[in-house]
Amino acid sequence: MDLPEIIAIKRKTNAINQLRAEQSRLATNNRGLDDEGYTKHRRELSREAGIKPQDQRFDREKFEEARALVSGLGRGGN
């Protein structure tokens, strides 16, 4: 393993650890940045961590499937 590869792995690991810490701060509502700064910071860390953004559009059909599944579990059937 060469030095550039080690550095890239270390950068990715650090970004993942920072994302975990940010998630904990978000869960406790303890952010140090405004919404725009926070979004930019998360995007940069995600890019360094090698995390690709997902399409996060609301899918009504998937929502209805999940709702039907959950309501079926509550009644003891499927």
PDB file of N, CA and C in Angstrom:
ATOM      1  N   MET A   1       0.863  -1.169   0.000  1.00  0.00           N
ATOM      2  CA  MET A   1       0.000   0.000   0.000  1.00  0.00           C
ATOM      3  C   MET A   1       0.909   1.230   0.000  1.00  0.00           C
ATOM      4  N   ASP A   2       0.648   2.165  -0.886  1.00  0.00           N
ATOM      5  CA  ASP A   2       1.488   3.345  -0.956  1.00  0.00           C
ATOM      6  C   ASP A   2       0.900   4.495  -0.135  1.00  0.00           C
ATOM      7  N   LEU A   3       1.710   5.511   0.088  1.00  0.00           N
ATOM      8  CA  LEU A   3       1.343   6.628   0.959  1.00  0.00           C
ATOM      9  C   LEU A   3       0.081   7.368   0.505  1.00  0.00           C
ATOM     10  N   PRO A   4      -0.077   7.707  -0.774  1.00  0.00           N
ATOM     11  CA  PRO A   4      -1.320   8.384  -1.178  1.00  0.00           C
ATOM     12  C   PRO A   4      -2.575   7.564  -0.872  1.00  0.00           C
ATOM     13  N   GLU A   5      -2.474   6.251  -1.021  1.00  0.00           N
ATOM     14  CA  GLU A   5      -3.625   5.398  -0.724  1.00  0.00           C
ATOM     15  C   GLU A   5      -3.935   5.401   0.777  1.00  0.00           C
ATOM     16  N   ILE A   6      -2.900   5.364   1.597  1.00  0.00           N
ATOM     17  CA  ILE A   6      -3.080   5.415   3.053  1.00  0.00           C
ATOM     18  C   ILE A   6      -3.710   6.740   3.461  1.00  0.00           C
ATOM     19  N   ILE A   7      -3.245   7.820   2.871  1.00  0.00           N
ATOM     20  CA  ILE A   7      -3.785   9.152   3.183  1.00  0.00           C
ATOM     21  C   ILE A   7      -5.258   9.237   2.774  1.00  0.00           C
ATOM     22  N   ALA A   8      -5.603   8.691   1.611  1.00  0.00           N
ATOM     23  CA  ALA A   8      -6.997   8.714   1.152  1.00  0.00           C
ATOM     24  C   ALA A   8      -7.889   7.922   2.099  1.00  0.00           C
ATOM     25  N   ILE A   9      -7.419   6.766   2.552  1.00  0.00           N
ATOM     26  CA  ILE A   9      -8.198   5.956   3.493  1.00  0.00           C
ATOM     27  C   ILE A   9      -8.362   6.694   4.821  1.00  0.00           C
ATOM     28  N   LYS A  10      -7.286   7.325   5.286  1.00  0.00           N
ATOM     29  CA  LYS A  10      -7.340   8.081   6.549  1.00  0.00           C
ATOM     30  C   LYS A  10      -8.316   9.257   6.434  1.00  0.00           C
ATOM     31  N   ARG A  11      -8.305   9.961   5.288  1.00  0.00           N
ATOM     32  CA  ARG A  11      -9.217  11.093   5.083  1.00  0.00           C
ATOM     33  C   ARG A  11     -10.663  10.609   5.086  1.00  0.00           C
ATOM     34  N   LYS A  12     -10.916   9.483   4.423  1.00  0.00           N
ATOM     35  CA  LYS A  12     -12.259   8.929   4.378  1.00  0.00           C
ATOM     36  C   LYS A  12     -12.721   8.507   5.770  1.00  0.00           C
ATOM     37  N   THR A  13     -11.839   7.863   6.535  1.00  0.00           N
ATOM     38  CA  THR A  13     -12.169   7.440   7.896  1.00  0.00           C
ATOM     39  C   THR A  13     -12.469   8.645   8.791  1.00  0.00           C
ATOM     40  N   ASN A  14     -11.658   9.688   8.678  1.00  0.00           N
ATOM     41  CA  ASN A  14     -11.891  10.898   9.471  1.00  0.00           C
ATOM     42  C   ASN A  14     -13.231  11.539   9.120  1.00  0.00           C
ATOM     43  N   ALA A  15     -13.559  11.578   7.834  1.00  0.00           N
ATOM     44  CA  ALA A  15     -14.833  12.168   7.411  1.00  0.00           C
ATOM     45  C   ALA A  15     -16.003  11.361   7.953  1.00  0.00           C
ATOM     46  N   ILE A  16     -15.909  10.044   7.926  1.00  0.00           N
ATOM     47  CA  ILE A  16     -16.975   9.196   8.466  1.00  0.00           C
ATOM     48  C   ILE A  16     -17.138   9.436   9.960  1.00  0.00           C
ATOM     49  N   ASN A  17     -16.028   9.531  10.684  1.00  0.00           N
ATOM     50  CA  ASN A  17     -16.095   9.789  12.127  1.00  0.00           C
ATOM     51  C   ASN A  17     -16.705  11.154  12.416  1.00  0.00           C
ATOM     52  N   GLN A  18     -16.366  12.154  11.607  1.00  0.00           N
ATOM     53  CA  GLN A  18     -16.955  13.482  11.804  1.00  0.00           C
ATOM     54  C   GLN A  18     -18.448  13.463  11.515  1.00  0.00           C
ATOM     55  N   LEU A  19     -18.857  12.720  10.497  1.00  0.00           N
ATOM     56  CA  LEU A  19     -20.294  12.607  10.205  1.00  0.00           C
ATOM     57  C   LEU A  19     -21.038  11.960  11.364  1.00  0.00           C
ATOM     58  N   ARG A  20     -20.443  10.963  11.975  1.00  0.00           N
ATOM     59  CA  ARG A  20     -21.063  10.325  13.146  1.00  0.00           C
ATOM     60  C   ARG A  20     -21.198  11.331  14.293  1.00  0.00           C
ATOM     61  N   ALA A  21     -20.157  12.098  14.536  1.00  0.00           N
ATOM     62  CA  ALA A  21     -20.205  13.097  15.608  1.00  0.00           C
ATOM     63  C   ALA A  21     -21.250  14.165  15.302  1.00  0.00           C
ATOM     64  N   GLU A  22     -21.315  14.590  14.036  1.00  0.00           N
ATOM     65  CA  GLU A  22     -22.320  15.577  13.634  1.00  0.00           C
ATOM     66  C   GLU A  22     -23.729  15.034  13.829  1.00  0.00           C
ATOM     67  N   GLN A  23     -23.937  13.769  13.535  1.00  0.00           N
ATOM     68  CA  GLN A  23     -25.249  13.158  13.714  1.00  0.00           C
ATOM     69  C   GLN A  23     -25.653  13.175  15.185  1.00  0.00           C
ATOM     70  N   SER A  24     -24.686  12.916  16.066  1.00  0.00           N
ATOM     71  CA  SER A  24     -24.975  12.962  17.504  1.00  0.00           C
ATOM     72  C   SER A  24     -25.337  14.372  17.946  1.00  0.00           C
ATOM     73  N   ARG A  25     -24.610  15.355  17.440  1.00  0.00           N
ATOM     74  CA  ARG A  25     -24.924  16.747  17.795  1.00  0.00           C
ATOM     75  C   ARG A  25     -26.283  17.150  17.243  1.00  0.00           C
ATOM     76  N   LEU A  26     -26.609  16.685  16.056  1.00  0.00           N
ATOM     77  CA  LEU A  26     -27.906  16.989  15.468  1.00  0.00           C
ATOM     78  C   LEU A  26     -29.029  16.368  16.294  1.00  0.00           C
ATOM     79  N   ALA A  27     -28.809  15.145  16.753  1.00  0.00           N
ATOM     80  CA  ALA A  27     -29.827  14.449  17.538  1.00  0.00           C
ATOM     81  C   ALA A  27     -30.115  15.176  18.849  1.00  0.00           C
ATOM     82  N   THR A  28     -29.122  15.869  19.388  1.00  0.00           N
ATOM     83  CA  THR A  28     -29.316  16.598  20.639  1.00  0.00           C
ATOM     84  C   THR A  28     -29.559  18.088  20.395  1.00  0.00           C
ATOM     85  N   ASN A  29     -29.763  18.451  19.115  1.00  0.00           N
ATOM     86  CA  ASN A  29     -30.005  19.843  18.735  1.00  0.00           C
ATOM     87  C   ASN A  29     -28.882  20.755  19.202  1.00  0.00           C
ATOM     88  N   ASN A  30     -27.652  20.325  18.999  1.00  0.00           N
ATOM     89  CA  ASN A  30     -26.483  21.058  19.465  1.00  0.00           C
ATOM     90  C   ASN A  30     -25.563  21.395  18.293  1.00  0.00           C
ATOM     91  N   ARG A  31     -26.110  22.027  17.259  1.00  0.00           N
ATOM     92  CA  ARG A  31     -25.310  22.392  16.093  1.00  0.00           C
ATOM     93  C   ARG A  31     -24.624  23.723  16.322  1.00  0.00           C
ATOM     94  N   GLY A  32     -23.435  23.858  15.745  1.00  0.00           N
ATOM     95  CA  GLY A  32     -22.696  25.107  15.862  1.00  0.00           C
ATOM     96  C   GLY A  32     -22.787  25.977  14.626  1.00  0.00           C
ATOM     97  N   LEU A  33     -23.490  25.508  13.601  1.00  0.00           N
ATOM     98  CA  LEU A  33     -23.607  26.249  12.349  1.00  0.00           C
ATOM     99  C   LEU A  33     -25.073  26.536  12.037  1.00  0.00           C
ATOM    100  N   ASP A  34     -25.274  27.570  11.209  1.00  0.00           N
ATOM    101  CA  ASP A  34     -26.642  27.812  10.742  1.00  0.00           C
ATOM    102  C   ASP A  34     -27.008  26.738   9.726  1.00  0.00           C
ATOM    103  N   ASP A  35     -28.243  26.714   9.289  1.00  0.00           N
ATOM    104  CA  ASP A  35     -28.710  25.646   8.393  1.00  0.00           C
ATOM    105  C   ASP A  35     -27.903  25.556   7.105  1.00  0.00           C
ATOM    106  N   GLU A  36     -27.620  26.700   6.493  1.00  0.00           N
ATOM    107  CA  GLU A  36     -26.880  26.690   5.226  1.00  0.00           C
ATOM    108  C   GLU A  36     -25.447  26.197   5.430  1.00  0.00           C
ATOM    109  N   GLY A  37     -24.781  26.680   6.460  1.00  0.00           N
ATOM    110  CA  GLY A  37     -23.424  26.242   6.755  1.00  0.00           C
ATOM    111  C   GLY A  37     -23.364  24.777   7.117  1.00  0.00           C
ATOM    112  N   TYR A  38     -24.347  24.330   7.868  1.00  0.00           N
ATOM    113  CA  TYR A  38     -24.416  22.932   8.268  1.00  0.00           C
ATOM    114  C   TYR A  38     -24.606  22.030   7.050  1.00  0.00           C
ATOM    115  N   THR A  39     -25.492  22.419   6.147  1.00  0.00           N
ATOM    116  CA  THR A  39     -25.739  21.638   4.939  1.00  0.00           C
ATOM    117  C   THR A  39     -24.474  21.540   4.094  1.00  0.00           C
ATOM    118  N   LYS A  40     -23.779  22.652   3.932  1.00  0.00           N
ATOM    119  CA  LYS A  40     -22.535  22.666   3.151  1.00  0.00           C
ATOM    120  C   LYS A  40     -21.481  21.777   3.800  1.00  0.00           C
ATOM    121  N   HIS A  41     -21.346  21.890   5.114  1.00  0.00           N
ATOM    122  CA  HIS A  41     -20.370  21.083   5.857  1.00  0.00           C
ATOM    123  C   HIS A  41     -20.673  19.594   5.705  1.00  0.00           C
ATOM    124  N   ARG A  42     -21.925  19.200   5.865  1.00  0.00           N
ATOM    125  CA  ARG A  42     -22.318  17.789   5.721  1.00  0.00           C
ATOM    126  C   ARG A  42     -22.049  17.285   4.302  1.00  0.00           C
ATOM    127  N   ARG A  43     -22.339  18.109   3.313  1.00  0.00           N
ATOM    128  CA  ARG A  43     -22.109  17.714   1.927  1.00  0.00           C
ATOM    129  C   ARG A  43     -20.622  17.464   1.664  1.00  0.00           C
ATOM    130  N   GLU A  44     -19.755  18.342   2.194  1.00  0.00           N
ATOM    131  CA  GLU A  44     -18.316  18.177   2.012  1.00  0.00           C
ATOM    132  C   GLU A  44     -17.806  16.925   2.725  1.00  0.00           C
ATOM    133  N   LEU A  45     -18.275  16.697   3.948  1.00  0.00           N
ATOM    134  CA  LEU A  45     -17.857  15.497   4.675  1.00  0.00           C
ATOM    135  C   LEU A  45     -18.346  14.234   3.972  1.00  0.00           C
ATOM    136  N   SER A  46     -19.557  14.268   3.468  1.00  0.00           N
ATOM    137  CA  SER A  46     -20.099  13.109   2.755  1.00  0.00           C
ATOM    138  C   SER A  46     -19.286  12.803   1.509  1.00  0.00           C
ATOM    139  N   ARG A  47     -18.885  13.851   0.799  1.00  0.00           N
ATOM    140  CA  ARG A  47     -18.070  13.653  -0.396  1.00  0.00           C
ATOM    141  C   ARG A  47     -16.721  13.031  -0.027  1.00  0.00           C
ATOM    142  N   GLU A  48     -16.073  13.543   1.034  1.00  0.00           N
ATOM    143  CA  GLU A  48     -14.797  12.992   1.481  1.00  0.00           C
ATOM    144  C   GLU A  48     -14.944  11.553   1.954  1.00  0.00           C
ATOM    145  N   ALA A  49     -16.088  11.226   2.550  1.00  0.00           N
ATOM    146  CA  ALA A  49     -16.318   9.875   3.057  1.00  0.00           C
ATOM    147  C   ALA A  49     -16.698   8.907   1.944  1.00  0.00           C
ATOM    148  N   GLY A  50     -16.938   9.431   0.747  1.00  0.00           N
ATOM    149  CA  GLY A  50     -17.299   8.572  -0.370  1.00  0.00           C
ATOM    150  C   GLY A  50     -18.763   8.185  -0.374  1.00  0.00           C
ATOM    151  N   ILE A  51     -19.586   8.951   0.329  1.00  0.00           N
ATOM    152  CA  ILE A  51     -21.026   8.679   0.389  1.00  0.00           C
ATOM    153  C   ILE A  51     -21.705   9.448  -0.737  1.00  0.00           C
ATOM    154  N   LYS A  52     -22.427   8.730  -1.579  1.00  0.00           N
ATOM    155  CA  LYS A  52     -23.102   9.367  -2.705  1.00  0.00           C
ATOM    156  C   LYS A  52     -24.491   9.811  -2.277  1.00  0.00           C
ATOM    157  N   PRO A  53     -24.888  11.007  -2.699  1.00  0.00           N
ATOM    158  CA  PRO A  53     -26.239  11.477  -2.331  1.00  0.00           C
ATOM    159  C   PRO A  53     -27.311  10.596  -2.948  1.00  0.00           C
ATOM    160  N   GLN A  54     -28.393  10.441  -2.203  1.00  0.00           N
ATOM    161  CA  GLN A  54     -29.504   9.624  -2.670  1.00  0.00           C
ATOM    162  C   GLN A  54     -30.640  10.519  -3.120  1.00  0.00           C
ATOM    163  N   ASP A  55     -31.425   9.983  -4.020  1.00  0.00           N
ATOM    164  CA  ASP A  55     -32.633  10.683  -4.449  1.00  0.00           C
ATOM    165  C   ASP A  55     -33.628  10.588  -3.297  1.00  0.00           C
ATOM    166  N   GLN A  56     -34.007  11.717  -2.732  1.00  0.00           N
ATOM    167  CA  GLN A  56     -34.853  11.708  -1.551  1.00  0.00           C
ATOM    168  C   GLN A  56     -36.242  12.264  -1.816  1.00  0.00           C
ATOM    169  N   ARG A  57     -36.741  12.043  -3.021  1.00  0.00           N
ATOM    170  CA  ARG A  57     -38.098  12.488  -3.307  1.00  0.00           C
ATOM    171  C   ARG A  57     -39.099  11.557  -2.639  1.00  0.00           C
ATOM    172  N   PHE A  58     -40.192  12.117  -2.220  1.00  0.00           N
ATOM    173  CA  PHE A  58     -41.246  11.351  -1.561  1.00  0.00           C
ATOM    174  C   PHE A  58     -41.922  10.454  -2.583  1.00  0.00           C
ATOM    175  N   ASP A  59     -42.058   9.182  -2.249  1.00  0.00           N
ATOM    176  CA  ASP A  59     -42.697   8.208  -3.125  1.00  0.00           C
ATOM    177  C   ASP A  59     -43.989   7.738  -2.455  1.00  0.00           C
ATOM    178  N   ARG A  60     -45.106   8.232  -2.923  1.00  0.00           N
ATOM    179  CA  ARG A  60     -46.400   7.926  -2.326  1.00  0.00           C
ATOM    180  C   ARG A  60     -46.674   6.419  -2.351  1.00  0.00           C
ATOM    181  N   GLU A  61     -46.335   5.761  -3.442  1.00  0.00           N
ATOM    182  CA  GLU A  61     -46.591   4.326  -3.562  1.00  0.00           C
ATOM    183  C   GLU A  61     -45.819   3.535  -2.501  1.00  0.00           C
ATOM    184  N   LYS A  62     -44.547   3.867  -2.311  1.00  0.00           N
ATOM    185  CA  LYS A  62     -43.739   3.182  -1.290  1.00  0.00           C
ATOM    186  C   LYS A  62     -44.285   3.475   0.104  1.00  0.00           C
ATOM    187  N   PHE A  63     -44.732   4.705   0.320  1.00  0.00           N
ATOM    188  CA  PHE A  63     -45.305   5.076   1.605  1.00  0.00           C
ATOM    189  C   PHE A  63     -46.548   4.243   1.902  1.00  0.00           C
ATOM    190  N   GLU A  64     -47.408   4.096   0.914  1.00  0.00           N
ATOM    191  CA  GLU A  64     -48.638   3.319   1.099  1.00  0.00           C
ATOM    192  C   GLU A  64     -48.318   1.844   1.343  1.00  0.00           C
ATOM    193  N   GLU A  65     -47.298   1.317   0.662  1.00  0.00           N
ATOM    194  CA  GLU A  65     -46.883  -0.066   0.898  1.00  0.00           C
ATOM    195  C   GLU A  65     -46.415  -0.249   2.341  1.00  0.00           C
ATOM    196  N   ALA A  66     -45.602   0.677   2.811  1.00  0.00           N
ATOM    197  CA  ALA A  66     -45.096   0.600   4.184  1.00  0.00           C
ATOM    198  C   ALA A  66     -46.235   0.728   5.190  1.00  0.00           C
ATOM    199  N   ARG A  67     -47.161   1.627   4.922  1.00  0.00           N
ATOM    200  CA  ARG A  67     -48.293   1.817   5.824  1.00  0.00           C
ATOM    201  C   ARG A  67     -49.158   0.561   5.885  1.00  0.00           C
ATOM    202  N   ALA A  68     -49.387  -0.063   4.739  1.00  0.00           N
ATOM    203  CA  ALA A  68     -50.175  -1.291   4.709  1.00  0.00           C
ATOM    204  C   ALA A  68     -49.467  -2.406   5.466  1.00  0.00           C
ATOM    205  N   LEU A  69     -48.157  -2.480   5.310  1.00  0.00           N
ATOM    206  CA  LEU A  69     -47.384  -3.501   6.005  1.00  0.00           C
ATOM    207  C   LEU A  69     -47.457  -3.296   7.518  1.00  0.00           C
ATOM    208  N   VAL A  70     -47.285  -2.070   7.965  1.00  0.00           N
ATOM    209  CA  VAL A  70     -47.322  -1.769   9.399  1.00  0.00           C
ATOM    210  C   VAL A  70     -48.713  -1.996   9.966  1.00  0.00           C
ATOM    211  N   SER A  71     -49.742  -1.582   9.255  1.00  0.00           N
ATOM    212  CA  SER A  71     -51.103  -1.787   9.772  1.00  0.00           C
ATOM    213  C   SER A  71     -51.446  -3.262   9.802  1.00  0.00           C
ATOM    214  N   GLY A  72     -50.934  -4.048   8.878  1.00  0.00           N
ATOM    215  CA  GLY A  72     -51.147  -5.486   8.880  1.00  0.00           C
ATOM    216  C   GLY A  72     -50.479  -6.141  10.062  1.00  0.00           C
ATOM    217  N   LEU A  73     -49.316  -5.634  10.483  1.00  0.00           N
ATOM    218  CA  LEU A  73     -48.627  -6.191  11.639  1.00  0.00           C
ATOM    219  C   LEU A  73     -49.395  -5.910  12.922  1.00  0.00           C
ATOM    220  N   GLY A  74     -50.047  -4.752  12.972  1.00  0.00           N
ATOM    221  CA  GLY A  74     -50.813  -4.385  14.159  1.00  0.00           C
ATOM    222  C   GLY A  74     -52.043  -5.252  14.368  1.00  0.00           C
ATOM    223  N   ARG A  75     -52.568  -5.813  13.291  1.00  0.00           N
ATOM    224  CA  ARG A  75     -53.764  -6.649  13.380  1.00  0.00           C
ATOM    225  C   ARG A  75     -53.421  -8.129  13.459  1.00  0.00           C
ATOM    226  N   GLY A  76     -52.129  -8.422  13.480  1.00  0.00           N
ATOM    227  CA  GLY A  76     -51.717  -9.815  13.591  1.00  0.00           C
ATOM    228  C   GLY A  76     -51.730 -10.572  12.295  1.00  0.00           C
ATOM    229  N   GLY A  77     -51.953  -9.906  11.198  1.00  0.00           N
ATOM    230  CA  GLY A  77     -51.974 -10.585   9.910  1.00  0.00           C
ATOM    231  C   GLY A  77     -51.147  -9.826   8.898  1.00  0.00           C
ATOM    232  N   ASN A  78     -51.154 -10.317   7.685  1.00  0.00           N
ATOM    233  CA  ASN A  78     -50.412  -9.641   6.631  1.00  0.00           C
ATOM    234  C   ASN A  78     -51.283  -9.338   5.462  1.00  0.00           C
TER     235      ASN A  78
END
